[in-house]
C-alpha atoms as a PDB file:
ATOM      1  CA  MET A   1     167.438 121.895 144.658  1.00  0.00           C
ATOM      2  CA  LYS A   2     163.685 121.421 144.826  1.00  0.00           C
ATOM      3  CA  MET A   3     161.964 121.752 148.179  1.00  0.00           C
ATOM      4  CA  PRO A   4     159.576 119.082 149.496  1.00  0.00           C
ATOM      5  CA  MET A   5     156.112 119.187 147.928  1.00  0.00           C
ATOM      6  CA  ASN A   6     153.469 121.051 149.941  1.00  0.00           C
ATOM      7  CA  SER A   7     155.997 122.942 152.078  1.00  0.00           C
ATOM      8  CA  ARG A   8     154.135 126.024 153.326  1.00  0.00           C
ATOM      9  CA  THR A   9     155.159 129.402 151.967  1.00  0.00           C
ATOM     10  CA  ILE A  10     156.403 132.025 154.420  1.00  0.00           C
ATOM     11  CA  ILE A  11     157.070 135.721 153.924  1.00  0.00           C
ATOM     12  CA  THR A  12     160.658 136.403 154.951  1.00  0.00           C
ATOM     13  CA  GLY A  13     160.913 140.079 153.997  1.00  0.00           C
ATOM     14  CA  THR A  14     158.631 143.028 153.327  1.00  0.00           C
ATOM     15  CA  GLY A  15     159.119 146.553 152.052  1.00  0.00           C
ATOM     16  CA  HIS A  16     157.217 149.468 150.608  1.00  0.00           C
ATOM     17  CA  TYR A  17     157.954 152.729 148.842  1.00  0.00           C
ATOM     18  CA  VAL A  18     155.895 155.783 147.967  1.00  0.00           C
ATOM     19  CA  PRO A  19     157.104 158.795 145.958  1.00  0.00           C
ATOM     20  CA  PRO A  20     158.094 161.773 148.127  1.00  0.00           C
ATOM     21  CA  ARG A  21     155.511 164.271 146.844  1.00  0.00           C
ATOM     22  CA  VAL A  22     152.521 164.485 149.182  1.00  0.00           C
ATOM     23  CA  VAL A  23     149.230 165.706 147.705  1.00  0.00           C
ATOM     24  CA  THR A  24     146.777 166.846 150.346  1.00  0.00           C
ATOM     25  CA  ASN A  25     143.038 167.344 150.073  1.00  0.00           C
ATOM     26  CA  GLN A  26     143.712 171.078 150.187  1.00  0.00           C
ATOM     27  CA  ASP A  27     145.931 170.707 147.120  1.00  0.00           C
ATOM     28  CA  LEU A  28     143.046 169.062 145.264  1.00  0.00           C
ATOM     29  CA  GLU A  29     140.694 171.870 146.274  1.00  0.00           C
ATOM     30  CA  LYS A  30     142.735 174.112 143.967  1.00  0.00           C
ATOM     31  CA  LEU A  31     142.129 171.822 140.966  1.00  0.00           C
ATOM     32  CA  MET A  32     138.430 170.966 141.225  1.00  0.00           C
ATOM     33  CA  ASP A  33     135.235 171.681 143.077  1.00  0.00           C
ATOM     34  CA  THR A  34     135.877 169.563 146.160  1.00  0.00           C
ATOM     35  CA  SER A  35     136.787 170.038 149.809  1.00  0.00           C
ATOM     36  CA  ASP A  36     138.832 168.411 152.518  1.00  0.00           C
ATOM     37  CA  GLU A  37     135.612 167.727 154.453  1.00  0.00           C
ATOM     38  CA  TRP A  38     133.923 166.105 151.433  1.00  0.00           C
ATOM     39  CA  ILE A  39     136.882 163.821 150.716  1.00  0.00           C
ATOM     40  CA  ARG A  40     137.388 162.793 154.347  1.00  0.00           C
ATOM     41  CA  GLU A  41     133.701 162.103 154.880  1.00  0.00           C
ATOM     42  CA  ARG A  42     133.372 159.875 151.818  1.00  0.00           C
ATOM     43  CA  SER A  43     136.717 158.091 151.848  1.00  0.00           C
ATOM     44  CA  GLY A  44     138.713 158.796 154.999  1.00  0.00           C
ATOM     45  CA  ILE A  45     141.610 160.037 152.870  1.00  0.00           C
ATOM     46  CA  VAL A  46     143.646 163.046 154.044  1.00  0.00           C
ATOM     47  CA  GLU A  47     146.616 162.823 151.695  1.00  0.00           C
ATOM     48  CA  ARG A  48     148.203 160.632 149.065  1.00  0.00           C
ATOM     49  CA  HIS A  49     151.559 160.444 147.228  1.00  0.00           C
ATOM     50  CA  HIS A  50     152.016 161.255 143.528  1.00  0.00           C
ATOM     51  CA  ILE A  51     155.078 160.894 141.337  1.00  0.00           C
ATOM     52  CA  ASP A  52     157.045 163.803 139.894  1.00  0.00           C
ATOM     53  CA  GLY A  53     158.584 163.670 136.445  1.00  0.00           C
ATOM     54  CA  ARG A  54     159.178 160.514 134.430  1.00  0.00           C
ATOM     55  CA  VAL A  55     158.871 157.881 137.132  1.00  0.00           C
ATOM     56  CA  GLY A  56     157.423 154.521 136.141  1.00  0.00           C
ATOM     57  CA  THR A  57     155.517 151.908 138.065  1.00  0.00           C
ATOM     58  CA  SER A  58     158.536 149.630 137.718  1.00  0.00           C
ATOM     59  CA  ASP A  59     160.708 152.276 139.408  1.00  0.00           C
ATOM     60  CA  LEU A  60     158.455 152.293 142.472  1.00  0.00           C
ATOM     61  CA  ALA A  61     158.388 148.484 142.437  1.00  0.00           C
ATOM     62  CA  VAL A  62     162.187 148.303 142.369  1.00  0.00           C
ATOM     63  CA  GLU A  63     162.508 150.595 145.402  1.00  0.00           C
ATOM     64  CA  ALA A  64     160.004 148.508 147.368  1.00  0.00           C
ATOM     65  CA  ALA A  65     161.774 145.321 146.241  1.00  0.00           C
ATOM     66  CA  ARG A  66     165.145 146.584 147.458  1.00  0.00           C
ATOM     67  CA  ARG A  67     163.659 147.225 150.872  1.00  0.00           C
ATOM     68  CA  ALA A  68     162.070 143.778 151.022  1.00  0.00           C
ATOM     69  CA  ILE A  69     165.355 142.172 149.939  1.00  0.00           C
ATOM     70  CA  ALA A  70     167.219 144.056 152.676  1.00  0.00           C
ATOM     71  CA  ASP A  71     164.561 143.080 155.217  1.00  0.00           C
ATOM     72  CA  ALA A  72     164.943 139.405 154.267  1.00  0.00           C
ATOM     73  CA  LYS A  73     168.739 139.726 154.505  1.00  0.00           C
ATOM     74  CA  ILE A  74     169.287 137.987 151.189  1.00  0.00           C
ATOM     75  CA  GLU A  75     171.273 138.642 148.038  1.00  0.00           C
ATOM     76  CA  PRO A  76     169.256 139.611 144.940  1.00  0.00           C
ATOM     77  CA  SER A  77     171.059 136.886 142.998  1.00  0.00           C
ATOM     78  CA  SER A  78     169.351 134.254 145.177  1.00  0.00           C
ATOM     79  CA  ILE A  79     165.878 135.151 143.820  1.00  0.00           C
ATOM     80  CA  ASP A  80     164.493 132.481 141.490  1.00  0.00           C
ATOM     81  CA  PHE A  81     161.398 134.168 140.075  1.00  0.00           C
ATOM     82  CA  VAL A  82     159.529 137.485 139.940  1.00  0.00           C
ATOM     83  CA  VAL A  83     155.779 137.994 140.172  1.00  0.00           C
ATOM     84  CA  ALA A  84     154.480 141.512 139.523  1.00  0.00           C
ATOM     85  CA  ALA A  85     150.961 142.866 140.040  1.00  0.00           C
ATOM     86  CA  THR A  86     149.756 146.181 138.601  1.00  0.00           C
ATOM     87  CA  LEU A  87     147.031 147.769 136.508  1.00  0.00           C
ATOM     88  CA  SER A  88     149.327 150.636 135.507  1.00  0.00           C
ATOM     89  CA  PRO A  89     152.377 149.173 133.736  1.00  0.00           C
ATOM     90  CA  ASP A  90     155.050 151.488 132.347  1.00  0.00           C
ATOM     91  CA  HIS A  91     154.011 150.513 128.812  1.00  0.00           C
ATOM     92  CA  TYR A  92     151.036 148.956 127.039  1.00  0.00           C
ATOM     93  CA  PHE A  93     153.403 145.981 126.744  1.00  0.00           C
ATOM     94  CA  PRO A  94     155.546 144.440 128.118  1.00  0.00           C
ATOM     95  CA  GLY A  95     154.461 144.242 131.744  1.00  0.00           C
ATOM     96  CA  ILE A  96     156.612 145.479 134.606  1.00  0.00           C
ATOM     97  CA  GLY A  97     157.865 142.055 135.713  1.00  0.00           C
ATOM     98  CA  VAL A  98     160.703 141.948 133.202  1.00  0.00           C
ATOM     99  CA  LEU A  99     161.577 145.603 133.884  1.00  0.00           C
ATOM    100  CA  VAL A 100     161.892 144.923 137.614  1.00  0.00           C
ATOM    101  CA  GLN A 101     163.975 141.838 136.845  1.00  0.00           C
ATOM    102  CA  ALA A 102     166.321 143.862 134.621  1.00  0.00           C
ATOM    103  CA  LYS A 103     166.632 146.895 136.915  1.00  0.00           C
ATOM    104  CA  LEU A 104     167.521 144.666 139.856  1.00  0.00           C
ATOM    105  CA  GLY A 105     170.031 142.733 137.737  1.00  0.00           C
ATOM    106  CA  LEU A 106     168.410 139.371 138.411  1.00  0.00           C
ATOM    107  CA  GLY A 107     169.797 137.607 135.364  1.00  0.00           C
ATOM    108  CA  THR A 108     167.468 135.653 133.099  1.00  0.00           C
ATOM    109  CA  ILE A 109     165.006 134.337 135.677  1.00  0.00           C
ATOM    110  CA  GLY A 110     161.330 134.256 134.787  1.00  0.00           C
ATOM    111  CA  ALA A 111     158.907 137.087 135.454  1.00  0.00           C
ATOM    112  CA  LEU A 112     155.131 136.753 135.625  1.00  0.00           C
ATOM    113  CA  ASP A 113     152.689 139.678 135.374  1.00  0.00           C
ATOM    114  CA  VAL A 114     149.323 139.562 137.127  1.00  0.00           C
ATOM    115  CA  ARG A 115     146.495 141.889 136.086  1.00  0.00           C
ATOM    116  CA  ASN A 116     143.810 141.676 138.747  1.00  0.00           C
ATOM    117  CA  GLN A 117     143.735 145.330 139.770  1.00  0.00           C
ATOM    118  CA  CYS A 118     142.840 145.878 143.447  1.00  0.00           C
ATOM    119  CA  SER A 119     142.869 142.115 144.070  1.00  0.00           C
ATOM    120  CA  GLY A 120     146.218 141.800 142.287  1.00  0.00           C
ATOM    121  CA  PHE A 121     148.425 141.253 145.326  1.00  0.00           C
ATOM    122  CA  ILE A 122     146.358 138.339 146.652  1.00  0.00           C
ATOM    123  CA  TYR A 123     146.051 136.780 143.190  1.00  0.00           C
ATOM    124  CA  ALA A 124     149.826 137.118 142.747  1.00  0.00           C
ATOM    125  CA  LEU A 125     150.423 135.734 146.238  1.00  0.00           C
ATOM    126  CA  SER A 126     148.273 132.713 145.391  1.00  0.00           C
ATOM    127  CA  ALA A 127     150.248 132.031 142.213  1.00  0.00           C
ATOM    128  CA  ALA A 128     153.597 132.385 143.973  1.00  0.00           C
ATOM    129  CA  ASP A 129     152.411 130.135 146.794  1.00  0.00           C
ATOM    130  CA  GLN A 130     151.608 127.356 144.318  1.00  0.00           C
ATOM    131  CA  TYR A 131     155.084 127.565 142.771  1.00  0.00           C
ATOM    132  CA  ILE A 132     156.745 127.236 146.162  1.00  0.00           C
ATOM    133  CA  ARG A 133     154.440 124.476 147.423  1.00  0.00           C
ATOM    134  CA  ALA A 134     155.158 122.516 144.242  1.00  0.00           C
ATOM    135  CA  GLY A 135     158.905 122.922 144.744  1.00  0.00           C
ATOM    136  CA  THR A 136     159.305 124.803 141.450  1.00  0.00           C
ATOM    137  CA  TYR A 137     161.007 127.814 143.067  1.00  0.00           C
ATOM    138  CA  LYS A 138     162.503 128.374 146.497  1.00  0.00           C
ATOM    139  CA  ARG A 139     162.701 132.186 146.616  1.00  0.00           C
ATOM    140  CA  ILE A 140     160.234 134.501 144.864  1.00  0.00           C
ATOM    141  CA  LEU A 141     160.080 138.286 144.747  1.00  0.00           C
ATOM    142  CA  LEU A 142     156.495 139.533 144.589  1.00  0.00           C
ATOM    143  CA  VAL A 143     155.998 143.217 143.822  1.00  0.00           C
ATOM    144  CA  ALA A 144     152.753 145.185 143.576  1.00  0.00           C
ATOM    145  CA  ALA A 145     152.980 148.759 142.343  1.00  0.00           C
ATOM    146  CA  GLU A 146     150.910 151.527 140.807  1.00  0.00           C
ATOM    147  CA  VAL A 147     151.285 154.932 139.203  1.00  0.00           C
ATOM    148  CA  GLN A 148     147.699 156.136 138.941  1.00  0.00           C
ATOM    149  CA  SER A 149     148.182 159.891 139.198  1.00  0.00           C
ATOM    150  CA  THR A 150     149.205 160.420 135.580  1.00  0.00           C
ATOM    151  CA  ASN A 151     145.903 159.098 134.210  1.00  0.00           C
ATOM    152  CA  LEU A 152     143.309 160.720 136.457  1.00  0.00           C
ATOM    153  CA  ASP A 153     140.773 163.348 135.461  1.00  0.00           C
ATOM    154  CA  PHE A 154     141.476 166.291 137.765  1.00  0.00           C
ATOM    155  CA  SER A 155     138.392 168.168 136.645  1.00  0.00           C
ATOM    156  CA  ASP A 156     135.013 168.480 138.348  1.00  0.00           C
ATOM    157  CA  GLN A 157     133.749 165.676 136.127  1.00  0.00           C
ATOM    158  CA  GLY A 158     136.411 163.250 137.357  1.00  0.00           C
ATOM    159  CA  ARG A 159     136.640 164.247 140.997  1.00  0.00           C
ATOM    160  CA  ASP A 160     134.897 161.145 142.401  1.00  0.00           C
ATOM    161  CA  MET A 161     137.797 159.024 141.144  1.00  0.00           C
ATOM    162  CA  SER A 162     140.735 161.404 141.188  1.00  0.00           C
ATOM    163  CA  VAL A 163     140.532 162.189 144.904  1.00  0.00           C
ATOM    164  CA  LEU A 164     140.852 158.501 145.800  1.00  0.00           C
ATOM    165  CA  PHE A 165     144.052 157.256 144.208  1.00  0.00           C
ATOM    166  CA  GLY A 166     147.705 157.436 145.139  1.00  0.00           C
ATOM    167  CA  ASP A 167     150.968 156.042 143.786  1.00  0.00           C
ATOM    168  CA  GLY A 168     153.067 153.490 145.637  1.00  0.00           C
ATOM    169  CA  ALA A 169     154.547 150.016 145.794  1.00  0.00           C
ATOM    170  CA  GLY A 170     154.885 147.100 148.162  1.00  0.00           C
ATOM    171  CA  ALA A 171     156.999 143.958 147.942  1.00  0.00           C
ATOM    172  CA  VAL A 172     157.493 140.663 149.736  1.00  0.00           C
ATOM    173  CA  ILE A 173     160.026 137.836 149.609  1.00  0.00           C
ATOM    174  CA  LEU A 174     158.485 134.358 149.645  1.00  0.00           C
ATOM    175  CA  GLU A 175     160.261 131.134 150.590  1.00  0.00           C
ATOM    176  CA  PRO A 176     159.340 127.609 151.748  1.00  0.00           C
ATOM    177  CA  ASN A 177     159.108 127.091 155.485  1.00  0.00           C
ATOM    178  CA  GLY A 178     161.764 124.594 156.449  1.00  0.00           C
ATOM    179  CA  GLU A 179     160.382 124.183 159.971  1.00  0.00           C
ATOM    180  CA  ASP A 180     157.377 122.198 161.164  1.00  0.00           C
ATOM    181  CA  ASP A 181     155.980 125.113 163.159  1.00  0.00           C
ATOM    182  CA  GLY A 182     152.674 125.784 161.393  1.00  0.00           C
ATOM    183  CA  ARG A 183     153.794 129.125 159.983  1.00  0.00           C
ATOM    184  CA  GLY A 184     153.062 130.242 156.439  1.00  0.00           C
ATOM    185  CA  ILE A 185     150.265 130.793 153.955  1.00  0.00           C
ATOM    186  CA  LEU A 186     147.387 128.563 155.027  1.00  0.00           C
ATOM    187  CA  SER A 187     145.165 129.165 151.990  1.00  0.00           C
ATOM    188  CA  THR A 188     144.099 131.640 149.325  1.00  0.00           C
ATOM    189  CA  HIS A 189     140.607 132.073 147.881  1.00  0.00           C
ATOM    190  CA  LEU A 190     139.973 133.763 144.528  1.00  0.00           C
ATOM    191  CA  PHE A 191     136.667 134.892 142.986  1.00  0.00           C
ATOM    192  CA  SER A 192     135.406 136.944 140.042  1.00  0.00           C
ATOM    193  CA  ASP A 193     132.258 138.069 138.242  1.00  0.00           C
ATOM    194  CA  GLY A 194     132.945 139.649 134.867  1.00  0.00           C
ATOM    195  CA  ARG A 195     129.318 140.646 134.332  1.00  0.00           C
ATOM    196  CA  PHE A 196     130.079 143.861 136.185  1.00  0.00           C
ATOM    197  CA  ALA A 197     133.369 144.774 134.491  1.00  0.00           C
ATOM    198  CA  ALA A 198     131.990 148.124 133.295  1.00  0.00           C
ATOM    199  CA  HIS A 199     131.171 149.193 136.856  1.00  0.00           C
ATOM    200  CA  LEU A 200     134.856 149.915 137.452  1.00  0.00           C
ATOM    201  CA  TRP A 201     137.059 150.111 134.404  1.00  0.00           C
ATOM    202  CA  MET A 202     139.189 152.058 132.015  1.00  0.00           C
ATOM    203  CA  GLU A 203     137.187 151.654 128.812  1.00  0.00           C
ATOM    204  CA  LYS A 204     139.936 152.680 126.395  1.00  0.00           C
ATOM    205  CA  PRO A 205     142.354 151.783 124.855  1.00  0.00           C
ATOM    206  CA  CYS A 206     140.591 148.796 123.367  1.00  0.00           C
ATOM    207  CA  PRO A 207     142.184 146.733 120.581  1.00  0.00           C
ATOM    208  CA  MET A 208     138.718 145.981 119.180  1.00  0.00           C
ATOM    209  CA  ASP A 209     138.689 149.585 117.947  1.00  0.00           C
ATOM    210  CA  ASN A 210     140.450 150.179 114.663  1.00  0.00           C
ATOM    211  CA  PRO A 211     142.595 152.152 115.142  1.00  0.00           C
ATOM    212  CA  THR A 212     142.957 151.504 118.869  1.00  0.00           C
ATOM    213  CA  PHE A 213     143.841 155.113 119.676  1.00  0.00           C
ATOM    214  CA  GLN A 214     141.424 157.719 118.347  1.00  0.00           C
ATOM    215  CA  ARG A 215     141.307 161.442 119.024  1.00  0.00           C
ATOM    216  CA  GLY A 216     137.603 161.307 119.838  1.00  0.00           C
ATOM    217  CA  PHE A 217     138.184 158.889 122.699  1.00  0.00           C
ATOM    218  CA  PHE A 218     140.570 161.379 124.297  1.00  0.00           C
ATOM    219  CA  ASP A 219     138.173 164.274 123.765  1.00  0.00           C
ATOM    220  CA  GLU A 220     135.363 162.262 125.379  1.00  0.00           C
ATOM    221  CA  GLY A 221     137.521 161.318 128.383  1.00  0.00           C
ATOM    222  CA  ARG A 222     137.132 157.605 127.739  1.00  0.00           C
ATOM    223  CA  PHE A 223     140.785 156.933 128.596  1.00  0.00           C
ATOM    224  CA  PHE A 224     140.128 157.942 132.215  1.00  0.00           C
ATOM    225  CA  PRO A 225     139.071 155.292 134.757  1.00  0.00           C
ATOM    226  CA  ARG A 226     135.365 155.389 135.636  1.00  0.00           C
ATOM    227  CA  MET A 227     133.373 153.857 138.462  1.00  0.00           C
ATOM    228  CA  ASP A 228     129.786 153.220 139.438  1.00  0.00           C
ATOM    229  CA  GLY A 229     130.547 154.170 143.019  1.00  0.00           C
ATOM    230  CA  ARG A 230     127.342 152.932 144.624  1.00  0.00           C
ATOM    231  CA  ASN A 231     127.498 149.449 143.110  1.00  0.00           C
ATOM    232  CA  VAL A 232     131.199 149.087 143.833  1.00  0.00           C
ATOM    233  CA  PHE A 233     130.659 150.131 147.452  1.00  0.00           C
ATOM    234  CA  VAL A 234     127.780 147.675 147.980  1.00  0.00           C
ATOM    235  CA  ASN A 235     129.608 144.762 146.360  1.00  0.00           C
ATOM    236  CA  ALA A 236     132.899 145.439 148.155  1.00  0.00           C
ATOM    237  CA  CYS A 237     131.141 145.491 151.528  1.00  0.00           C
ATOM    238  CA  GLN A 238     129.515 142.142 150.703  1.00  0.00           C
ATOM    239  CA  ARG A 239     132.231 140.287 148.834  1.00  0.00           C
ATOM    240  CA  MET A 240     135.237 140.909 151.071  1.00  0.00           C
ATOM    241  CA  PRO A 241     133.549 139.418 154.162  1.00  0.00           C
ATOM    242  CA  GLU A 242     132.392 136.487 152.005  1.00  0.00           C
ATOM    243  CA  ALA A 243     135.978 135.830 150.938  1.00  0.00           C
ATOM    244  CA  VAL A 244     137.168 135.954 154.553  1.00  0.00           C
ATOM    245  CA  ARG A 245     134.437 133.552 155.646  1.00  0.00           C
ATOM    246  CA  ALA A 246     135.458 131.152 152.871  1.00  0.00           C
ATOM    247  CA  GLY A 247     138.972 131.110 154.275  1.00  0.00           C
ATOM    248  CA  LEU A 248     137.795 130.641 157.836  1.00  0.00           C
ATOM    249  CA  GLU A 249     135.665 127.672 156.808  1.00  0.00           C
ATOM    250  CA  ALA A 250     138.446 126.099 154.771  1.00  0.00           C
ATOM    251  CA  ASN A 251     140.830 126.266 157.719  1.00  0.00           C
ATOM    252  CA  GLY A 252     138.393 125.394 160.519  1.00  0.00           C
ATOM    253  CA  LEU A 253     138.789 128.833 162.091  1.00  0.00           C
ATOM    254  CA  THR A 254     136.503 131.522 163.490  1.00  0.00           C
ATOM    255  CA  VAL A 255     136.607 135.296 163.281  1.00  0.00           C
ATOM    256  CA  ASP A 256     137.888 135.342 166.870  1.00  0.00           C
ATOM    257  CA  ASP A 257     141.030 133.534 165.689  1.00  0.00           C
ATOM    258  CA  ILE A 258     142.034 136.463 163.446  1.00  0.00           C
ATOM    259  CA  ASP A 259     144.674 138.693 165.042  1.00  0.00           C
ATOM    260  CA  ALA A 260     144.920 141.202 162.170  1.00  0.00           C
ATOM    261  CA  LEU A 261     142.699 141.843 159.152  1.00  0.00           C
ATOM    262  CA  ILE A 262     144.247 143.770 156.250  1.00  0.00           C
ATOM    263  CA  PRO A 263     141.616 144.792 153.715  1.00  0.00           C
ATOM    264  CA  HIS A 264     142.420 146.469 150.434  1.00  0.00           C
ATOM    265  CA  GLN A 265     142.534 150.182 151.231  1.00  0.00           C
ATOM    266  CA  ALA A 266     139.805 151.285 148.802  1.00  0.00           C
ATOM    267  CA  ASN A 267     137.773 153.509 151.077  1.00  0.00           C
ATOM    268  CA  ASP A 268     137.830 153.705 154.859  1.00  0.00           C
ATOM    269  CA  ARG A 269     134.052 153.428 154.983  1.00  0.00           C
ATOM    270  CA  ILE A 270     134.329 150.099 153.150  1.00  0.00           C
ATOM    271  CA  SER A 271     136.990 148.857 155.588  1.00  0.00           C
ATOM    272  CA  LEU A 272     134.736 149.735 158.518  1.00  0.00           C
ATOM    273  CA  MET A 273     131.751 148.047 156.877  1.00  0.00           C
ATOM    274  CA  VAL A 274     133.831 144.904 156.272  1.00  0.00           C
ATOM    275  CA  ALA A 275     134.777 144.876 159.965  1.00  0.00           C
ATOM    276  CA  LYS A 276     131.124 145.311 160.913  1.00  0.00           C
ATOM    277  CA  GLY A 277     130.005 142.557 158.533  1.00  0.00           C
ATOM    278  CA  LEU A 278     132.513 140.131 160.024  1.00  0.00           C
ATOM    279  CA  LYS A 279     131.861 141.299 163.590  1.00  0.00           C
ATOM    280  CA  ILE A 280     135.587 141.765 164.093  1.00  0.00           C
ATOM    281  CA  PRO A 281     136.844 144.491 166.469  1.00  0.00           C
ATOM    282  CA  VAL A 282     137.916 147.529 164.474  1.00  0.00           C
ATOM    283  CA  GLU A 283     141.168 147.577 166.487  1.00  0.00           C
ATOM    284  CA  LYS A 284     142.189 144.422 164.590  1.00  0.00           C
ATOM    285  CA  VAL A 285     141.709 146.069 161.187  1.00  0.00           C
ATOM    286  CA  VAL A 286     144.828 147.603 159.623  1.00  0.00           C
ATOM    287  CA  ARG A 287     143.891 150.934 158.034  1.00  0.00           C
ATOM    288  CA  ASN A 288     146.280 153.462 156.495  1.00  0.00           C
ATOM    289  CA  ILE A 289     144.246 154.908 153.623  1.00  0.00           C
ATOM    290  CA  GLN A 290     144.240 158.319 155.291  1.00  0.00           C
ATOM    291  CA  ARG A 291     147.939 158.729 154.380  1.00  0.00           C
ATOM    292  CA  PHE A 292     148.222 156.881 151.065  1.00  0.00           C
ATOM    293  CA  GLY A 293     144.818 156.878 149.393  1.00  0.00           C
ATOM    294  CA  ASN A 294     143.908 153.884 147.253  1.00  0.00           C
ATOM    295  CA  THR A 295     147.121 152.430 145.834  1.00  0.00           C
ATOM    296  CA  THR A 296     145.239 149.547 144.163  1.00  0.00           C
ATOM    297  CA  ALA A 297     147.401 146.380 143.991  1.00  0.00           C
ATOM    298  CA  ALA A 298     149.995 147.969 146.279  1.00  0.00           C
ATOM    299  CA  SER A 299     147.663 148.801 149.165  1.00  0.00           C
ATOM    300  CA  ILE A 300     147.771 145.454 150.993  1.00  0.00           C
ATOM    301  CA  PRO A 301     151.573 144.957 150.906  1.00  0.00           C
ATOM    302  CA  ILE A 302     152.098 148.591 151.982  1.00  0.00           C
ATOM    303  CA  ALA A 303     149.749 148.086 154.931  1.00  0.00           C
ATOM    304  CA  LEU A 304     151.313 144.700 155.722  1.00  0.00           C
ATOM    305  CA  ASP A 305     154.821 146.166 155.819  1.00  0.00           C
ATOM    306  CA  GLU A 306     153.730 149.012 158.108  1.00  0.00           C
ATOM    307  CA  ALA A 307     151.869 146.664 160.457  1.00  0.00           C
ATOM    308  CA  LEU A 308     154.900 144.389 160.731  1.00  0.00           C
ATOM    309  CA  LYS A 309     157.376 147.214 161.257  1.00  0.00           C
ATOM    310  CA  ASP A 310     155.320 148.895 163.991  1.00  0.00           C
ATOM    311  CA  GLY A 311     154.632 145.636 165.842  1.00  0.00           C
ATOM    312  CA  ARG A 312     150.920 145.217 165.158  1.00  0.00           C
ATOM    313  CA  ILE A 313     151.671 141.804 163.641  1.00  0.00           C
ATOM    314  CA  LYS A 314     153.807 139.427 165.694  1.00  0.00           C
ATOM    315  CA  ARG A 315     155.136 135.883 165.369  1.00  0.00           C
ATOM    316  CA  GLY A 316     152.320 133.364 165.669  1.00  0.00           C
ATOM    317  CA  ASN A 317     149.555 135.816 164.716  1.00  0.00           C
ATOM    318  CA  LEU A 318     146.857 134.826 162.251  1.00  0.00           C
ATOM    319  CA  VAL A 319     146.657 137.459 159.507  1.00  0.00           C
ATOM    320  CA  ALA A 320     143.770 137.657 157.054  1.00  0.00           C
ATOM    321  CA  LEU A 321     144.040 139.608 153.805  1.00  0.00           C
ATOM    322  CA  THR A 322     141.064 140.504 151.658  1.00  0.00           C
ATOM    323  CA  ALA A 323     140.471 142.609 148.559  1.00  0.00           C
ATOM    324  CA  PHE A 324     137.823 143.626 146.066  1.00  0.00           C
ATOM    325  CA  GLY A 325     138.184 145.498 142.813  1.00  0.00           C
ATOM    326  CA  SER A 326     137.715 145.874 139.102  1.00  0.00           C
ATOM    327  CA  GLY A 327     136.530 142.838 137.234  1.00  0.00           C
ATOM    328  CA  TYR A 328     134.768 142.349 139.616  1.00  0.00           C
ATOM    329  CA  THR A 329     137.436 140.313 141.404  1.00  0.00           C
ATOM    330  CA  TRP A 330     137.712 139.577 145.099  1.00  0.00           C
ATOM    331  CA  ALA A 331     139.937 137.376 147.212  1.00  0.00           C
ATOM    332  CA  SER A 332     141.290 136.445 150.610  1.00  0.00           C
ATOM    333  CA  ALA A 333     144.444 134.909 152.034  1.00  0.00           C
ATOM    334  CA  PHE A 334     145.220 133.515 155.465  1.00  0.00           C
ATOM    335  CA  ILE A 335     148.744 133.569 156.860  1.00  0.00           C
ATOM    336  CA  ARG A 336     150.035 132.196 160.151  1.00  0.00           C
ATOM    337  CA  TRP A 337     152.878 134.523 160.978  1.00  0.00           C
END
């Protein structure tokens, strides 16, 4: 049965999962010319989680999904649709959405893949929200997951990137709010500027090359992700506050109305600069990068799940999400809990 048009979307369950292997800064000191002090000072990261063996992004997503399903106290068979966000799918194609659907035994429901990197969770949340508001689906599983560790350059040349990233997954269950209590997703705001795609990208593989996979590209390290760190830092510190302000204006709110701000966990210095730019007390900013590193699309749902489970987010709170990443893409979402 279709729900009424424009019914607000609420999150009824959350969950996250990270692989058990912890990789500390001291572990990375053994692989490249870096130090715990250098990594902490530039990123705030102390440790991150990496997979062992043949574990795929979809495997992490499934574990997070199971936890979100349990948290929502629903049966998997009641899920109507899957939305999956990642930049690191198990295979070049297909995406992980169908793999999550199959591994959870969800029948032949649809599965949508979203490729917006660090902004992926908010982009996916926006898409899922539209489906529910339109009455197309009444229960959606949204997963965001990454396995980055298997394609990082753990040499001195790649250290600026390889010290930042971790593996992990987060998931939420989305449903229409059947009550007239003001709860739910108030709005989402999506932005991009493809002129700067090469500032943060994985250049290869590229189907424009013939053949796509060439030995020289491997030898030159062009299959590793690369970043213009300074430009990314400057733009992230500018764009995430802009996205939050867009949401505040759209909803007739002020920064003082925000109870919790969850930025993409890219770099703790960026999170602090975003707080400063918005003039929001740092105590309201959810930060967990020190334990997980940058888990790209998964970072916001992991942080959201932790903040809910430890009581930092309570019923009635206004929660703002914001992200910035490769593309460039940036986004915000506002949720009345």
